[in-house]
Amino acid sequence: MSLKLSLIRTEETFPCANLALEKFLTFCPGEGEVILYLWQNKKTVVIGRNQNAWKECRVRQLKADGGTLVRRLSGGGAVFHDLGNLNFSFIARKEDYDISRQLDVILEAVRLLGIDAVKSGRNDLTAGERKFSGNAFYESGDYACHHGTLMVDVDKDLLGRYLNVSADKLKSKAVSSVRSRVVNLRELSEEATVGRLAGAMEETFGKVYGGKVQPFEKERLDAEQIRSDTSLFASWDWTFGRKIPFTHRMERRFDWGGAELELQVEGGIIRSAACWSDAMDQEHILRIGSALEGCRYGESDMEKALRSNAGTEVLQAKMSEDILNLIREELQK
């Protein structure tokens, strides 16, 4: 059965409005429909669902320069957007959601501009062994969203100014700075512009899926819901999360991502817990923090809490076990 291919591109550049539109679209596709959403943000740092905003971004510098910090729904790490960047979102019901196919749309589009590109690592696309695209993923109920960045002509000086990438993360990527790790497509081909790449994405969307691309019907949009979600993404509580007066803090980088655990312990009981991470599985990270709240600050109780929320997947169990080992080491100090 052929799929319905819907394309929507917005001229909006305010990140909270763009994330609100993406959220609405995520729960919008009908049966047999795949939506490609193309969008851009002005000077913005976008952090993952479970990241510590103050740690990932030089917030005061960004704000002083007129930039915006926003938190997305998906997991993963922080990225910088400006108008030299094209953002994409592939949205579909789970039965029509195919990450391999979606990545092929991007890779084929980049190749139309004369650039050879490949998938690298857990969520990156690279050209000449340097990253030009980071990808992240979000699922809820029957729906799924795969989104990311495409660096065409991004100001890498600003990227380096605002992103505060940990030394451990850079070391794991074998690079000295975030700027040395990334590349603009414009550096690799004069054919690379945001407009040309957007046109190439539309062409390869139809080619890879073997169908005709149609404009998304704007009458399907709910303006009131999108306005409400724009306010949500612009709110302090959503962007920065709750700030707990932690008494215990531990941190480490694992092969699945970095983790920072903050605990407020009173009378031997964990009153509040927050787990910050750039892990792709944003829901499991949220469960780790929630599981620890209310239990005793001791190995056996914390182990029981984490094992009861270990999840059914192998990686989820490993994440919980790694966090548990980190806690054990802290308790033994």
Foldseek 3Di string as FASTA:
>chain_A
DAAAEAEEEDPDADVLLVLLQVVQVQPDDDPRYKYKYKYFHAWEKEAEQFAALVQFWVVVVQVVVVYYYWYHDFFAGIFTTHQQKMKIKIKDFPVPDDVVLLVVLLQQLLVVLVFHWDDDDDAFIDGPQATQKGWAKDDDDRMIMIMIMGRAPDDLVSRQRITNDDPVVCVVSVHDGPSVRHDHSCVVGVSGGPVSSVVSSQVSSCVSSVHHYDYDDPVSDDVVSSVVSSVVRRDPCSRRNDDDPFPDWFWDADPQWIWIKGFHADPQFTQFIGIGISGRPVVLNVQLRVLRHGWGLDLVRSLVSLVVSQDDDPVSVVVSVVVSVRSVVVVVD
